[in-house]
Amino acid sequence: MLAVQAQGSEIQTVEGMAPSDDELHPIQQAFSEKHGLQCGFCTPGFLMTVTEFLREVPDPTEENIRERLSGNLCRCTGYQNIVEAVQLAAERMREGASAGDSD
């Protein structure tokens, strides 16, 4: 995509995910807790892919997760911790959405 093609669109970055400077987004927190990142080179791609994925599929299976992440390459983790991080993030985001519904 050329920059001109993004005109009028919203662009989200990893830095813009967190709700505040002292708080992580649930996806970032899950990646940290489950050790879904190591060297950090691939992390932004995974975080942005997972953000959109969980908007589309809030209750994914392990197979769904592995399929969606298949285009992101990581040399360090072996992917299992990344999959576990996505499962944890999905669970927390569903719980957060449910808590918001009861207000």
PDB file of N, CA and C in Angstrom:
ATOM      1  N   MET A   1       0.840  -1.160   0.000  1.00  0.00           N
ATOM      2  CA  MET A   1       0.000   0.000   0.000  1.00  0.00           C
ATOM      3  C   MET A   1       0.893   1.234   0.000  1.00  0.00           C
ATOM      4  N   LEU A   2       0.565   2.175  -0.820  1.00  0.00           N
ATOM      5  CA  LEU A   2       1.259   3.451  -0.838  1.00  0.00           C
ATOM      6  C   LEU A   2       0.650   4.376   0.213  1.00  0.00           C
ATOM      7  N   ALA A   3       1.444   5.285   0.735  1.00  0.00           N
ATOM      8  CA  ALA A   3       0.966   6.196   1.775  1.00  0.00           C
ATOM      9  C   ALA A   3      -0.265   6.965   1.319  1.00  0.00           C
ATOM     10  N   VAL A   4      -0.298   7.370   0.074  1.00  0.00           N
ATOM     11  CA  VAL A   4      -1.432   8.142  -0.437  1.00  0.00           C
ATOM     12  C   VAL A   4      -2.733   7.332  -0.376  1.00  0.00           C
ATOM     13  N   GLN A   5      -2.632   6.015  -0.437  1.00  0.00           N
ATOM     14  CA  GLN A   5      -3.817   5.163  -0.366  1.00  0.00           C
ATOM     15  C   GLN A   5      -4.416   5.126   1.043  1.00  0.00           C
ATOM     16  N   ALA A   6      -3.657   5.533   2.030  1.00  0.00           N
ATOM     17  CA  ALA A   6      -4.146   5.537   3.409  1.00  0.00           C
ATOM     18  C   ALA A   6      -4.844   6.845   3.772  1.00  0.00           C
ATOM     19  N   GLN A   7      -4.835   7.791   2.855  1.00  0.00           N
ATOM     20  CA  GLN A   7      -5.458   9.083   3.142  1.00  0.00           C
ATOM     21  C   GLN A   7      -6.912   8.889   3.568  1.00  0.00           C
ATOM     22  N   GLY A   8      -7.270   9.524   4.674  1.00  0.00           N
ATOM     23  CA  GLY A   8      -8.626   9.420   5.196  1.00  0.00           C
ATOM     24  C   GLY A   8      -8.861   8.191   6.056  1.00  0.00           C
ATOM     25  N   SER A   9      -7.852   7.360   6.205  1.00  0.00           N
ATOM     26  CA  SER A   9      -7.982   6.142   7.007  1.00  0.00           C
ATOM     27  C   SER A   9      -7.371   6.357   8.386  1.00  0.00           C
ATOM     28  N   GLU A  10      -7.758   5.508   9.300  1.00  0.00           N
ATOM     29  CA  GLU A  10      -7.171   5.529  10.636  1.00  0.00           C
ATOM     30  C   GLU A  10      -6.053   4.503  10.671  1.00  0.00           C
ATOM     31  N   ILE A  11      -4.921   4.882  11.229  1.00  0.00           N
ATOM     32  CA  ILE A  11      -3.785   3.976  11.341  1.00  0.00           C
ATOM     33  C   ILE A  11      -3.522   3.732  12.818  1.00  0.00           C
ATOM     34  N   GLN A  12      -3.490   2.469  13.201  1.00  0.00           N
ATOM     35  CA  GLN A  12      -3.198   2.117  14.587  1.00  0.00           C
ATOM     36  C   GLN A  12      -1.815   1.500  14.643  1.00  0.00           C
ATOM     37  N   THR A  13      -1.049   1.875  15.651  1.00  0.00           N
ATOM     38  CA  THR A  13       0.277   1.310  15.862  1.00  0.00           C
ATOM     39  C   THR A  13       0.311   0.623  17.226  1.00  0.00           C
ATOM     40  N   VAL A  14       1.357  -0.128  17.463  1.00  0.00           N
ATOM     41  CA  VAL A  14       1.540  -0.790  18.751  1.00  0.00           C
ATOM     42  C   VAL A  14       1.558   0.247  19.874  1.00  0.00           C
ATOM     43  N   GLU A  15       2.193   1.371  19.620  1.00  0.00           N
ATOM     44  CA  GLU A  15       2.292   2.415  20.637  1.00  0.00           C
ATOM     45  C   GLU A  15       0.926   2.982  21.005  1.00  0.00           C
ATOM     46  N   GLY A  16      -0.036   2.893  20.110  1.00  0.00           N
ATOM     47  CA  GLY A  16      -1.362   3.432  20.366  1.00  0.00           C
ATOM     48  C   GLY A  16      -2.348   2.434  20.945  1.00  0.00           C
ATOM     49  N   MET A  17      -1.907   1.214  21.205  1.00  0.00           N
ATOM     50  CA  MET A  17      -2.814   0.184  21.718  1.00  0.00           C
ATOM     51  C   MET A  17      -3.201   0.417  23.175  1.00  0.00           C
ATOM     52  N   ALA A  18      -2.246   0.801  23.994  1.00  0.00           N
ATOM     53  CA  ALA A  18      -2.469   0.914  25.438  1.00  0.00           C
ATOM     54  C   ALA A  18      -3.433   2.044  25.758  1.00  0.00           C
ATOM     55  N   PRO A  19      -4.337   1.814  26.714  1.00  0.00           N
ATOM     56  CA  PRO A  19      -5.297   2.852  27.080  1.00  0.00           C
ATOM     57  C   PRO A  19      -4.653   4.059  27.766  1.00  0.00           C
ATOM     58  N   SER A  20      -3.490   3.850  28.420  1.00  0.00           N
ATOM     59  CA  SER A  20      -2.784   4.952  29.075  1.00  0.00           C
ATOM     60  C   SER A  20      -1.302   4.605  29.165  1.00  0.00           C
ATOM     61  N   ASP A  21      -0.506   5.570  29.619  1.00  0.00           N
ATOM     62  CA  ASP A  21       0.936   5.338  29.730  1.00  0.00           C
ATOM     63  C   ASP A  21       1.292   4.305  30.795  1.00  0.00           C
ATOM     64  N   ASP A  22       0.424   4.123  31.812  1.00  0.00           N
ATOM     65  CA  ASP A  22       0.752   3.156  32.866  1.00  0.00           C
ATOM     66  C   ASP A  22      -0.003   1.847  32.743  1.00  0.00           C
ATOM     67  N   GLU A  23      -0.628   1.609  31.626  1.00  0.00           N
ATOM     68  CA  GLU A  23      -1.462   0.415  31.466  1.00  0.00           C
ATOM     69  C   GLU A  23      -1.233  -0.174  30.075  1.00  0.00           C
ATOM     70  N   LEU A  24      -1.195  -1.497  30.013  1.00  0.00           N
ATOM     71  CA  LEU A  24      -1.065  -2.174  28.723  1.00  0.00           C
ATOM     72  C   LEU A  24      -2.440  -2.595  28.213  1.00  0.00           C
ATOM     73  N   HIS A  25      -2.551  -2.731  26.918  1.00  0.00           N
ATOM     74  CA  HIS A  25      -3.744  -3.317  26.306  1.00  0.00           C
ATOM     75  C   HIS A  25      -3.774  -4.791  26.726  1.00  0.00           C
ATOM     76  N   PRO A  26      -4.940  -5.414  26.841  1.00  0.00           N
ATOM     77  CA  PRO A  26      -5.001  -6.834  27.230  1.00  0.00           C
ATOM     78  C   PRO A  26      -4.150  -7.751  26.343  1.00  0.00           C
ATOM     79  N   ILE A  27      -4.021  -7.432  25.068  1.00  0.00           N
ATOM     80  CA  ILE A  27      -3.191  -8.262  24.183  1.00  0.00           C
ATOM     81  C   ILE A  27      -1.722  -8.100  24.560  1.00  0.00           C
ATOM     82  N   GLN A  28      -1.279  -6.874  24.779  1.00  0.00           N
ATOM     83  CA  GLN A  28       0.106  -6.636  25.187  1.00  0.00           C
ATOM     84  C   GLN A  28       0.398  -7.314  26.522  1.00  0.00           C
ATOM     85  N   GLN A  29      -0.530  -7.208  27.461  1.00  0.00           N
ATOM     86  CA  GLN A  29      -0.359  -7.809  28.784  1.00  0.00           C
ATOM     87  C   GLN A  29      -0.256  -9.333  28.680  1.00  0.00           C
ATOM     88  N   ALA A  30      -1.097  -9.930  27.866  1.00  0.00           N
ATOM     89  CA  ALA A  30      -1.078 -11.391  27.698  1.00  0.00           C
ATOM     90  C   ALA A  30       0.232 -11.851  27.061  1.00  0.00           C
ATOM     91  N   PHE A  31       0.722 -11.115  26.062  1.00  0.00           N
ATOM     92  CA  PHE A  31       2.000 -11.471  25.438  1.00  0.00           C
ATOM     93  C   PHE A  31       3.126 -11.400  26.467  1.00  0.00           C
ATOM     94  N   SER A  32       3.079 -10.412  27.337  1.00  0.00           N
ATOM     95  CA  SER A  32       4.095 -10.280  28.377  1.00  0.00           C
ATOM     96  C   SER A  32       4.005 -11.438  29.377  1.00  0.00           C
ATOM     97  N   GLU A  33       2.818 -11.717  29.865  1.00  0.00           N
ATOM     98  CA  GLU A  33       2.629 -12.765  30.874  1.00  0.00           C
ATOM     99  C   GLU A  33       2.947 -14.158  30.348  1.00  0.00           C
ATOM    100  N   LYS A  34       2.603 -14.431  29.102  1.00  0.00           N
ATOM    101  CA  LYS A  34       2.796 -15.769  28.530  1.00  0.00           C
ATOM    102  C   LYS A  34       4.134 -15.905  27.798  1.00  0.00           C
ATOM    103  N   HIS A  35       4.959 -14.881  27.870  1.00  0.00           N
ATOM    104  CA  HIS A  35       6.271 -14.893  27.212  1.00  0.00           C
ATOM    105  C   HIS A  35       6.128 -15.132  25.709  1.00  0.00           C
ATOM    106  N   GLY A  36       5.176 -14.426  25.125  1.00  0.00           N
ATOM    107  CA  GLY A  36       4.934 -14.537  23.687  1.00  0.00           C
ATOM    108  C   GLY A  36       5.834 -13.638  22.871  1.00  0.00           C
ATOM    109  N   LEU A  37       6.856 -13.096  23.501  1.00  0.00           N
ATOM    110  CA  LEU A  37       7.813 -12.262  22.787  1.00  0.00           C
ATOM    111  C   LEU A  37       9.184 -12.520  23.380  1.00  0.00           C
ATOM    112  N   GLN A  38      10.182 -12.386  22.558  1.00  0.00           N
ATOM    113  CA  GLN A  38      11.541 -12.538  23.065  1.00  0.00           C
ATOM    114  C   GLN A  38      12.407 -11.402  22.548  1.00  0.00           C
ATOM    115  N   CYS A  39      12.883 -11.494  21.323  1.00  0.00           N
ATOM    116  CA  CYS A  39      13.781 -10.447  20.833  1.00  0.00           C
ATOM    117  C   CYS A  39      13.021  -9.169  20.483  1.00  0.00           C
ATOM    118  N   GLY A  40      11.729  -9.274  20.185  1.00  0.00           N
ATOM    119  CA  GLY A  40      10.912  -8.104  19.884  1.00  0.00           C
ATOM    120  C   GLY A  40      10.805  -7.756  18.417  1.00  0.00           C
ATOM    121  N   PHE A  41      11.578  -8.394  17.567  1.00  0.00           N
ATOM    122  CA  PHE A  41      11.566  -8.053  16.147  1.00  0.00           C
ATOM    123  C   PHE A  41      10.200  -8.301  15.512  1.00  0.00           C
ATOM    124  N   CYS A  42       9.581  -9.421  15.818  1.00  0.00           N
ATOM    125  CA  CYS A  42       8.300  -9.786  15.199  1.00  0.00           C
ATOM    126  C   CYS A  42       7.089  -9.298  15.994  1.00  0.00           C
ATOM    127  N   THR A  43       7.314  -8.819  17.210  1.00  0.00           N
ATOM    128  CA  THR A  43       6.213  -8.496  18.118  1.00  0.00           C
ATOM    129  C   THR A  43       5.197  -7.513  17.548  1.00  0.00           C
ATOM    130  N   PRO A  44       5.601  -6.386  16.957  1.00  0.00           N
ATOM    131  CA  PRO A  44       4.589  -5.461  16.427  1.00  0.00           C
ATOM    132  C   PRO A  44       3.659  -6.113  15.402  1.00  0.00           C
ATOM    133  N   GLY A  45       4.208  -6.929  14.532  1.00  0.00           N
ATOM    134  CA  GLY A  45       3.376  -7.609  13.536  1.00  0.00           C
ATOM    135  C   GLY A  45       2.374  -8.551  14.174  1.00  0.00           C
ATOM    136  N   PHE A  46       2.827  -9.295  15.180  1.00  0.00           N
ATOM    137  CA  PHE A  46       1.911 -10.194  15.879  1.00  0.00           C
ATOM    138  C   PHE A  46       0.831  -9.410  16.611  1.00  0.00           C
ATOM    139  N   LEU A  47       1.218  -8.362  17.325  1.00  0.00           N
ATOM    140  CA  LEU A  47       0.236  -7.594  18.096  1.00  0.00           C
ATOM    141  C   LEU A  47      -0.827  -6.974  17.203  1.00  0.00           C
ATOM    142  N   MET A  48      -0.428  -6.420  16.078  1.00  0.00           N
ATOM    143  CA  MET A  48      -1.404  -5.781  15.194  1.00  0.00           C
ATOM    144  C   MET A  48      -2.284  -6.832  14.512  1.00  0.00           C
ATOM    145  N   THR A  49      -1.702  -7.957  14.133  1.00  0.00           N
ATOM    146  CA  THR A  49      -2.488  -9.042  13.530  1.00  0.00           C
ATOM    147  C   THR A  49      -3.518  -9.562  14.528  1.00  0.00           C
ATOM    148  N   VAL A  50      -3.087  -9.777  15.762  1.00  0.00           N
ATOM    149  CA  VAL A  50      -3.979 -10.306  16.799  1.00  0.00           C
ATOM    150  C   VAL A  50      -5.081  -9.304  17.135  1.00  0.00           C
ATOM    151  N   THR A  51      -4.765  -8.024  17.140  1.00  0.00           N
ATOM    152  CA  THR A  51      -5.776  -7.003  17.436  1.00  0.00           C
ATOM    153  C   THR A  51      -6.937  -7.101  16.457  1.00  0.00           C
ATOM    154  N   GLU A  52      -6.640  -7.123  15.186  1.00  0.00           N
ATOM    155  CA  GLU A  52      -7.700  -7.215  14.169  1.00  0.00           C
ATOM    156  C   GLU A  52      -8.394  -8.575  14.230  1.00  0.00           C
ATOM    157  N   PHE A  53      -7.604  -9.634  14.416  1.00  0.00           N
ATOM    158  CA  PHE A  53      -8.152 -10.988  14.479  1.00  0.00           C
ATOM    159  C   PHE A  53      -9.187 -11.119  15.597  1.00  0.00           C
ATOM    160  N   LEU A  54      -8.867 -10.623  16.795  1.00  0.00           N
ATOM    161  CA  LEU A  54      -9.798 -10.767  17.917  1.00  0.00           C
ATOM    162  C   LEU A  54     -11.021  -9.868  17.777  1.00  0.00           C
ATOM    163  N   ARG A  55     -10.925  -8.825  16.986  1.00  0.00           N
ATOM    164  CA  ARG A  55     -12.133  -8.042  16.671  1.00  0.00           C
ATOM    165  C   ARG A  55     -13.081  -8.884  15.819  1.00  0.00           C
ATOM    166  N   GLU A  56     -12.506  -9.640  14.900  1.00  0.00           N
ATOM    167  CA  GLU A  56     -13.300 -10.461  13.983  1.00  0.00           C
ATOM    168  C   GLU A  56     -13.741 -11.776  14.616  1.00  0.00           C
ATOM    169  N   VAL A  57     -12.870 -12.380  15.419  1.00  0.00           N
ATOM    170  CA  VAL A  57     -13.124 -13.706  16.007  1.00  0.00           C
ATOM    171  C   VAL A  57     -12.827 -13.625  17.510  1.00  0.00           C
ATOM    172  N   PRO A  58     -13.795 -13.193  18.316  1.00  0.00           N
ATOM    173  CA  PRO A  58     -13.525 -12.997  19.744  1.00  0.00           C
ATOM    174  C   PRO A  58     -13.325 -14.280  20.554  1.00  0.00           C
ATOM    175  N   ASP A  59     -13.740 -15.416  20.029  1.00  0.00           N
ATOM    176  CA  ASP A  59     -13.590 -16.684  20.753  1.00  0.00           C
ATOM    177  C   ASP A  59     -12.936 -17.714  19.825  1.00  0.00           C
ATOM    178  N   PRO A  60     -11.659 -17.507  19.492  1.00  0.00           N
ATOM    179  CA  PRO A  60     -11.007 -18.367  18.504  1.00  0.00           C
ATOM    180  C   PRO A  60     -10.571 -19.714  19.070  1.00  0.00           C
ATOM    181  N   THR A  61     -10.527 -20.695  18.194  1.00  0.00           N
ATOM    182  CA  THR A  61      -9.940 -21.985  18.551  1.00  0.00           C
ATOM    183  C   THR A  61      -8.432 -21.886  18.333  1.00  0.00           C
ATOM    184  N   GLU A  62      -7.702 -22.858  18.858  1.00  0.00           N
ATOM    185  CA  GLU A  62      -6.258 -22.882  18.628  1.00  0.00           C
ATOM    186  C   GLU A  62      -5.966 -22.955  17.131  1.00  0.00           C
ATOM    187  N   GLU A  63      -6.756 -23.731  16.415  1.00  0.00           N
ATOM    188  CA  GLU A  63      -6.565 -23.846  14.963  1.00  0.00           C
ATOM    189  C   GLU A  63      -6.789 -22.497  14.274  1.00  0.00           C
ATOM    190  N   ASN A  64      -7.841 -21.758  14.682  1.00  0.00           N
ATOM    191  CA  ASN A  64      -8.086 -20.413  14.131  1.00  0.00           C
ATOM    192  C   ASN A  64      -6.879 -19.514  14.353  1.00  0.00           C
ATOM    193  N   ILE A  65      -6.346 -19.558  15.557  1.00  0.00           N
ATOM    194  CA  ILE A  65      -5.214 -18.702  15.914  1.00  0.00           C
ATOM    195  C   ILE A  65      -4.004 -19.043  15.058  1.00  0.00           C
ATOM    196  N   ARG A  66      -3.675 -20.329  14.995  1.00  0.00           N
ATOM    197  CA  ARG A  66      -2.497 -20.734  14.222  1.00  0.00           C
ATOM    198  C   ARG A  66      -2.647 -20.374  12.742  1.00  0.00           C
ATOM    199  N   GLU A  67      -3.851 -20.530  12.217  1.00  0.00           N
ATOM    200  CA  GLU A  67      -4.083 -20.187  10.812  1.00  0.00           C
ATOM    201  C   GLU A  67      -3.884 -18.692  10.582  1.00  0.00           C
ATOM    202  N   ARG A  68      -4.467 -17.864  11.448  1.00  0.00           N
ATOM    203  CA  ARG A  68      -4.368 -16.413  11.267  1.00  0.00           C
ATOM    204  C   ARG A  68      -2.931 -15.920  11.426  1.00  0.00           C
ATOM    205  N   LEU A  69      -2.178 -16.545  12.319  1.00  0.00           N
ATOM    206  CA  LEU A  69      -0.810 -16.101  12.572  1.00  0.00           C
ATOM    207  C   LEU A  69       0.210 -16.703  11.615  1.00  0.00           C
ATOM    208  N   SER A  70      -0.239 -17.547  10.713  1.00  0.00           N
ATOM    209  CA  SER A  70       0.695 -18.265   9.842  1.00  0.00           C
ATOM    210  C   SER A  70       1.533 -17.351   8.951  1.00  0.00           C
ATOM    211  N   GLY A  71       1.098 -16.134   8.729  1.00  0.00           N
ATOM    212  CA  GLY A  71       1.876 -15.206   7.906  1.00  0.00           C
ATOM    213  C   GLY A  71       2.916 -14.423   8.682  1.00  0.00           C
ATOM    214  N   ASN A  72       2.919 -14.552  10.000  1.00  0.00           N
ATOM    215  CA  ASN A  72       3.897 -13.860  10.837  1.00  0.00           C
ATOM    216  C   ASN A  72       4.981 -14.847  11.241  1.00  0.00           C
ATOM    217  N   LEU A  73       6.219 -14.478  11.014  1.00  0.00           N
ATOM    218  CA  LEU A  73       7.331 -15.371  11.314  1.00  0.00           C
ATOM    219  C   LEU A  73       8.056 -14.944  12.581  1.00  0.00           C
ATOM    220  N   CYS A  74       8.424 -15.939  13.391  1.00  0.00           N
ATOM    221  CA  CYS A  74       9.166 -15.700  14.625  1.00  0.00           C
ATOM    222  C   CYS A  74      10.267 -16.749  14.720  1.00  0.00           C
ATOM    223  N   ARG A  75      11.486 -16.300  14.908  1.00  0.00           N
ATOM    224  CA  ARG A  75      12.606 -17.231  15.015  1.00  0.00           C
ATOM    225  C   ARG A  75      12.865 -17.665  16.453  1.00  0.00           C
ATOM    226  N   CYS A  76      12.283 -16.988  17.421  1.00  0.00           N
ATOM    227  CA  CYS A  76      12.667 -17.200  18.824  1.00  0.00           C
ATOM    228  C   CYS A  76      11.735 -18.107  19.623  1.00  0.00           C
ATOM    229  N   THR A  77      10.429 -17.980  19.451  1.00  0.00           N
ATOM    230  CA  THR A  77       9.510 -18.536  20.445  1.00  0.00           C
ATOM    231  C   THR A  77       8.984 -19.933  20.171  1.00  0.00           C
ATOM    232  N   GLY A  78       8.956 -20.377  18.951  1.00  0.00           N
ATOM    233  CA  GLY A  78       8.331 -21.660  18.661  1.00  0.00           C
ATOM    234  C   GLY A  78       6.821 -21.577  18.586  1.00  0.00           C
ATOM    235  N   TYR A  79       6.253 -20.392  18.731  1.00  0.00           N
ATOM    236  CA  TYR A  79       4.835 -20.081  18.532  1.00  0.00           C
ATOM    237  C   TYR A  79       3.900 -20.526  19.649  1.00  0.00           C
ATOM    238  N   GLN A  80       4.213 -21.547  20.427  1.00  0.00           N
ATOM    239  CA  GLN A  80       3.259 -22.026  21.432  1.00  0.00           C
ATOM    240  C   GLN A  80       2.906 -20.935  22.440  1.00  0.00           C
ATOM    241  N   ASN A  81       3.904 -20.203  22.904  1.00  0.00           N
ATOM    242  CA  ASN A  81       3.629 -19.128  23.863  1.00  0.00           C
ATOM    243  C   ASN A  81       2.811 -18.011  23.226  1.00  0.00           C
ATOM    244  N   ILE A  82       3.005 -17.782  21.950  1.00  0.00           N
ATOM    245  CA  ILE A  82       2.223 -16.767  21.238  1.00  0.00           C
ATOM    246  C   ILE A  82       0.767 -17.210  21.173  1.00  0.00           C
ATOM    247  N   VAL A  83       0.535 -18.464  20.835  1.00  0.00           N
ATOM    248  CA  VAL A  83      -0.831 -18.993  20.776  1.00  0.00           C
ATOM    249  C   VAL A  83      -1.489 -18.884  22.153  1.00  0.00           C
ATOM    250  N   GLU A  84      -0.764 -19.245  23.203  1.00  0.00           N
ATOM    251  CA  GLU A  84      -1.306 -19.144  24.562  1.00  0.00           C
ATOM    252  C   GLU A  84      -1.606 -17.691  24.930  1.00  0.00           C
ATOM    253  N   ALA A  85      -0.772 -16.775  24.485  1.00  0.00           N
ATOM    254  CA  ALA A  85      -1.011 -15.350  24.746  1.00  0.00           C
ATOM    255  C   ALA A  85      -2.287 -14.882  24.059  1.00  0.00           C
ATOM    256  N   VAL A  86      -2.515 -15.336  22.843  1.00  0.00           N
ATOM    257  CA  VAL A  86      -3.731 -14.953  22.118  1.00  0.00           C
ATOM    258  C   VAL A  86      -4.961 -15.525  22.821  1.00  0.00           C
ATOM    259  N   GLN A  87      -4.872 -16.772  23.276  1.00  0.00           N
ATOM    260  CA  GLN A  87      -5.997 -17.373  23.995  1.00  0.00           C
ATOM    261  C   GLN A  87      -6.310 -16.593  25.272  1.00  0.00           C
ATOM    262  N   LEU A  88      -5.282 -16.210  26.016  1.00  0.00           N
ATOM    263  CA  LEU A  88      -5.477 -15.447  27.246  1.00  0.00           C
ATOM    264  C   LEU A  88      -6.062 -14.067  26.943  1.00  0.00           C
ATOM    265  N   ALA A  89      -5.532 -13.405  25.938  1.00  0.00           N
ATOM    266  CA  ALA A  89      -6.043 -12.081  25.564  1.00  0.00           C
ATOM    267  C   ALA A  89      -7.504 -12.166  25.143  1.00  0.00           C
ATOM    268  N   ALA A  90      -7.840 -13.171  24.357  1.00  0.00           N
ATOM    269  CA  ALA A  90      -9.227 -13.335  23.903  1.00  0.00           C
ATOM    270  C   ALA A  90     -10.156 -13.527  25.097  1.00  0.00           C
ATOM    271  N   GLU A  91      -9.735 -14.359  26.033  1.00  0.00           N
ATOM    272  CA  GLU A  91     -10.546 -14.611  27.233  1.00  0.00           C
ATOM    273  C   GLU A  91     -10.758 -13.317  28.021  1.00  0.00           C
ATOM    274  N   ARG A  92      -9.694 -12.582  28.238  1.00  0.00           N
ATOM    275  CA  ARG A  92      -9.799 -11.336  29.011  1.00  0.00           C
ATOM    276  C   ARG A  92     -10.634 -10.286  28.287  1.00  0.00           C
ATOM    277  N   MET A  93     -10.498 -10.218  26.979  1.00  0.00           N
ATOM    278  CA  MET A  93     -11.273  -9.233  26.221  1.00  0.00           C
ATOM    279  C   MET A  93     -12.755  -9.595  26.227  1.00  0.00           C
ATOM    280  N   ARG A  94     -13.071 -10.892  26.163  1.00  0.00           N
ATOM    281  CA  ARG A  94     -14.480 -11.313  26.263  1.00  0.00           C
ATOM    282  C   ARG A  94     -15.038 -10.975  27.638  1.00  0.00           C
ATOM    283  N   GLU A  95     -14.246 -11.244  28.685  1.00  0.00           N
ATOM    284  CA  GLU A  95     -14.682 -10.924  30.051  1.00  0.00           C
ATOM    285  C   GLU A  95     -14.906  -9.423  30.204  1.00  0.00           C
ATOM    286  N   GLY A  96     -14.012  -8.629  29.634  1.00  0.00           N
ATOM    287  CA  GLY A  96     -14.153  -7.177  29.694  1.00  0.00           C
ATOM    288  C   GLY A  96     -15.383  -6.696  28.960  1.00  0.00           C
ATOM    289  N   ALA A  97     -15.673  -7.308  27.819  1.00  0.00           N
ATOM    290  CA  ALA A  97     -16.867  -6.939  27.048  1.00  0.00           C
ATOM    291  C   ALA A  97     -18.125  -7.322  27.818  1.00  0.00           C
ATOM    292  N   SER A  98     -18.100  -8.483  28.475  1.00  0.00           N
ATOM    293  CA  SER A  98     -19.258  -8.921  29.262  1.00  0.00           C
ATOM    294  C   SER A  98     -19.484  -8.001  30.447  1.00  0.00           C
ATOM    295  N   ALA A  99     -18.413  -7.595  31.097  1.00  0.00           N
ATOM    296  CA  ALA A  99     -18.531  -6.688  32.242  1.00  0.00           C
ATOM    297  C   ALA A  99     -19.102  -5.350  31.795  1.00  0.00           C
ATOM    298  N   GLY A 100     -18.706  -4.901  30.617  1.00  0.00           N
ATOM    299  CA  GLY A 100     -19.227  -3.645  30.079  1.00  0.00           C
ATOM    300  C   GLY A 100     -20.690  -3.736  29.713  1.00  0.00           C
ATOM    301  N   ASP A 101     -21.154  -4.921  29.316  1.00  0.00           N
ATOM    302  CA  ASP A 101     -22.558  -5.123  28.945  1.00  0.00           C
ATOM    303  C   ASP A 101     -23.481  -5.049  30.153  1.00  0.00           C
ATOM    304  N   SER A 102     -22.964  -5.397  31.337  1.00  0.00           N
ATOM    305  CA  SER A 102     -23.823  -5.452  32.520  1.00  0.00           C
ATOM    306  C   SER A 102     -23.997  -4.090  33.188  1.00  0.00           C
ATOM    307  N   ASP A 103     -23.283  -3.080  32.716  1.00  0.00           N
ATOM    308  CA  ASP A 103     -23.418  -1.728  33.304  1.00  0.00           C
ATOM    309  C   ASP A 103     -24.700  -1.066  32.914  1.00  0.00           C
TER     310      ASP A 103
END
